[in-house]
Amino acid sequence: MPNHQSFSRVNTQGNQLARALGRRLRYLRAQTGLTQLELGRKASMDRAYISRLERGRILPRYVALVRLAGSLGVSVADLVRHAPCSIDRVNVADTTRS
């Protein structure tokens, strides 16, 4: 599989967002009956990357959200539906370093 996953490491302030997105991803994956490996294959991502996302360890970049949503049969909006909106204190520069 291509090794071009795009992600941002999560700083302390971004933990809430990453955890909420991870819970939503896990929920949607379970609803479709896919394993992490199967979702990874459909989205051209490593199973370990899916695992880190679901555990809230990293935040995906937009292109990864698009691929995940498409693989789950939902829109990006549906994928991030329950993510907190008030992350104004998060320093974007801190969350985009790899």
C-alpha atoms as a PDB file:
ATOM      1  CA  MET A   1       0.000   0.000   0.000  1.00  0.00           C
ATOM      2  CA  PRO A   2       1.218   3.528  -0.646  1.00  0.00           C
ATOM      3  CA  ASN A   3       2.891   5.090   2.342  1.00  0.00           C
ATOM      4  CA  HIS A   4       1.615   8.614   1.864  1.00  0.00           C
ATOM      5  CA  GLN A   5      -0.710   9.028   4.799  1.00  0.00           C
ATOM      6  CA  SER A   6      -1.143  12.624   5.736  1.00  0.00           C
ATOM      7  CA  PHE A   7      -1.682  13.392   9.367  1.00  0.00           C
ATOM      8  CA  SER A   8      -0.987  15.854  12.110  1.00  0.00           C
ATOM      9  CA  ARG A   9       0.324  14.824  15.463  1.00  0.00           C
ATOM     10  CA  VAL A  10      -2.062  15.881  18.176  1.00  0.00           C
ATOM     11  CA  ASN A  11      -1.000  18.438  20.723  1.00  0.00           C
ATOM     12  CA  THR A  12      -2.666  18.649  24.114  1.00  0.00           C
ATOM     13  CA  GLN A  13      -5.315  21.115  22.950  1.00  0.00           C
ATOM     14  CA  GLY A  14      -6.198  19.042  19.888  1.00  0.00           C
ATOM     15  CA  ASN A  15      -6.862  15.872  21.892  1.00  0.00           C
ATOM     16  CA  GLN A  16     -10.596  16.496  22.206  1.00  0.00           C
ATOM     17  CA  LEU A  17     -11.009  16.890  18.467  1.00  0.00           C
ATOM     18  CA  ALA A  18      -8.874  13.836  17.664  1.00  0.00           C
ATOM     19  CA  ARG A  19     -10.724  11.650  20.176  1.00  0.00           C
ATOM     20  CA  ALA A  20     -14.152  12.741  18.900  1.00  0.00           C
ATOM     21  CA  LEU A  21     -13.148  12.087  15.306  1.00  0.00           C
ATOM     22  CA  GLY A  22     -11.682   8.716  16.301  1.00  0.00           C
ATOM     23  CA  ARG A  23     -14.884   7.662  18.047  1.00  0.00           C
ATOM     24  CA  ARG A  24     -16.936   8.671  15.024  1.00  0.00           C
ATOM     25  CA  LEU A  25     -14.630   6.823  12.644  1.00  0.00           C
ATOM     26  CA  ARG A  26     -14.777   3.669  14.772  1.00  0.00           C
ATOM     27  CA  TYR A  27     -18.576   3.907  14.994  1.00  0.00           C
ATOM     28  CA  LEU A  28     -19.018   4.305  11.233  1.00  0.00           C
ATOM     29  CA  ARG A  29     -16.535   1.519  10.509  1.00  0.00           C
ATOM     30  CA  ALA A  30     -18.415  -0.813  12.851  1.00  0.00           C
ATOM     31  CA  GLN A  31     -21.738   0.141  11.235  1.00  0.00           C
ATOM     32  CA  THR A  32     -20.385  -0.918   7.851  1.00  0.00           C
ATOM     33  CA  GLY A  33     -19.016  -4.166   9.273  1.00  0.00           C
ATOM     34  CA  LEU A  34     -15.454  -3.416   8.169  1.00  0.00           C
ATOM     35  CA  THR A  35     -12.329  -4.307  10.078  1.00  0.00           C
ATOM     36  CA  GLN A  36      -9.526  -1.763  10.345  1.00  0.00           C
ATOM     37  CA  LEU A  37      -7.616  -3.773   7.764  1.00  0.00           C
ATOM     38  CA  GLU A  38     -10.554  -3.799   5.330  1.00  0.00           C
ATOM     39  CA  LEU A  39     -11.149  -0.063   5.732  1.00  0.00           C
ATOM     40  CA  GLY A  40      -7.450   0.560   5.268  1.00  0.00           C
ATOM     41  CA  ARG A  41      -7.443  -1.407   2.037  1.00  0.00           C
ATOM     42  CA  LYS A  42     -10.513   0.396   0.704  1.00  0.00           C
ATOM     43  CA  ALA A  43      -9.011   3.791   1.555  1.00  0.00           C
ATOM     44  CA  SER A  44      -5.428   2.826   0.532  1.00  0.00           C
ATOM     45  CA  MET A  45      -4.179   3.338   4.092  1.00  0.00           C
ATOM     46  CA  ASP A  46      -2.311   1.167   6.556  1.00  0.00           C
ATOM     47  CA  ARG A  47      -4.288  -0.591   9.292  1.00  0.00           C
ATOM     48  CA  ALA A  48      -1.958   1.012  11.850  1.00  0.00           C
ATOM     49  CA  TYR A  49      -2.898   4.456  10.531  1.00  0.00           C
ATOM     50  CA  ILE A  50      -6.616   3.641  10.943  1.00  0.00           C
ATOM     51  CA  SER A  51      -5.869   2.435  14.470  1.00  0.00           C
ATOM     52  CA  ARG A  52      -4.036   5.659  15.382  1.00  0.00           C
ATOM     53  CA  LEU A  53      -6.938   7.697  14.031  1.00  0.00           C
ATOM     54  CA  GLU A  54      -9.524   5.704  15.978  1.00  0.00           C
ATOM     55  CA  ARG A  55      -7.508   6.064  19.184  1.00  0.00           C
ATOM     56  CA  GLY A  56      -7.301   9.829  18.738  1.00  0.00           C
ATOM     57  CA  ARG A  57      -3.517   9.821  18.424  1.00  0.00           C
ATOM     58  CA  ILE A  58      -3.417  11.794  15.176  1.00  0.00           C
ATOM     59  CA  LEU A  59      -5.601  14.096  13.110  1.00  0.00           C
ATOM     60  CA  PRO A  60      -5.997  13.289   9.412  1.00  0.00           C
ATOM     61  CA  ARG A  61      -5.521  15.888   6.723  1.00  0.00           C
ATOM     62  CA  TYR A  62      -8.438  16.687   4.450  1.00  0.00           C
ATOM     63  CA  VAL A  63      -7.428  14.300   1.659  1.00  0.00           C
ATOM     64  CA  ALA A  64      -7.415  11.411   4.155  1.00  0.00           C
ATOM     65  CA  LEU A  65     -10.873  12.450   5.419  1.00  0.00           C
ATOM     66  CA  VAL A  66     -12.165  12.384   1.846  1.00  0.00           C
ATOM     67  CA  ARG A  67     -10.774   8.894   1.231  1.00  0.00           C
ATOM     68  CA  LEU A  68     -12.091   7.579   4.562  1.00  0.00           C
ATOM     69  CA  ALA A  69     -15.549   9.059   4.028  1.00  0.00           C
ATOM     70  CA  GLY A  70     -15.736   7.626   0.514  1.00  0.00           C
ATOM     71  CA  SER A  71     -14.668   4.204   1.761  1.00  0.00           C
ATOM     72  CA  LEU A  72     -17.348   4.314   4.451  1.00  0.00           C
ATOM     73  CA  GLY A  73     -20.043   5.548   2.069  1.00  0.00           C
ATOM     74  CA  VAL A  74     -20.611   8.823   3.907  1.00  0.00           C
ATOM     75  CA  SER A  75     -19.803  12.465   3.266  1.00  0.00           C
ATOM     76  CA  VAL A  76     -16.920  14.222   4.999  1.00  0.00           C
ATOM     77  CA  ALA A  77     -19.559  16.252   6.852  1.00  0.00           C
ATOM     78  CA  ASP A  78     -21.079  13.021   8.194  1.00  0.00           C
ATOM     79  CA  LEU A  79     -17.652  11.764   9.208  1.00  0.00           C
ATOM     80  CA  VAL A  80     -16.856  14.870  11.262  1.00  0.00           C
ATOM     81  CA  ARG A  81     -20.423  15.478  12.418  1.00  0.00           C
ATOM     82  CA  HIS A  82     -19.809  15.119  16.169  1.00  0.00           C
ATOM     83  CA  ALA A  83     -16.374  16.702  16.289  1.00  0.00           C
ATOM     84  CA  PRO A  84     -16.156  19.732  18.582  1.00  0.00           C
ATOM     85  CA  CYS A  85     -16.271  23.042  16.741  1.00  0.00           C
ATOM     86  CA  SER A  86     -14.649  25.244  19.342  1.00  0.00           C
ATOM     87  CA  ILE A  87     -10.968  24.592  18.856  1.00  0.00           C
ATOM     88  CA  ASP A  88     -10.055  28.254  18.538  1.00  0.00           C
ATOM     89  CA  ARG A  89      -7.283  27.843  21.124  1.00  0.00           C
ATOM     90  CA  VAL A  90      -5.523  25.176  19.079  1.00  0.00           C
ATOM     91  CA  ASN A  91      -2.384  26.476  17.439  1.00  0.00           C
ATOM     92  CA  VAL A  92      -2.737  25.195  13.881  1.00  0.00           C
ATOM     93  CA  ALA A  93       1.019  25.358  13.352  1.00  0.00           C
ATOM     94  CA  ASP A  94       1.497  22.971  16.291  1.00  0.00           C
ATOM     95  CA  THR A  95      -0.980  20.440  14.900  1.00  0.00           C
ATOM     96  CA  THR A  96       0.428  20.362  11.383  1.00  0.00           C
ATOM     97  CA  ARG A  97       4.017  19.435  12.117  1.00  0.00           C
ATOM     98  CA  SER A  98       4.932  15.862  11.282  1.00  0.00           C
END
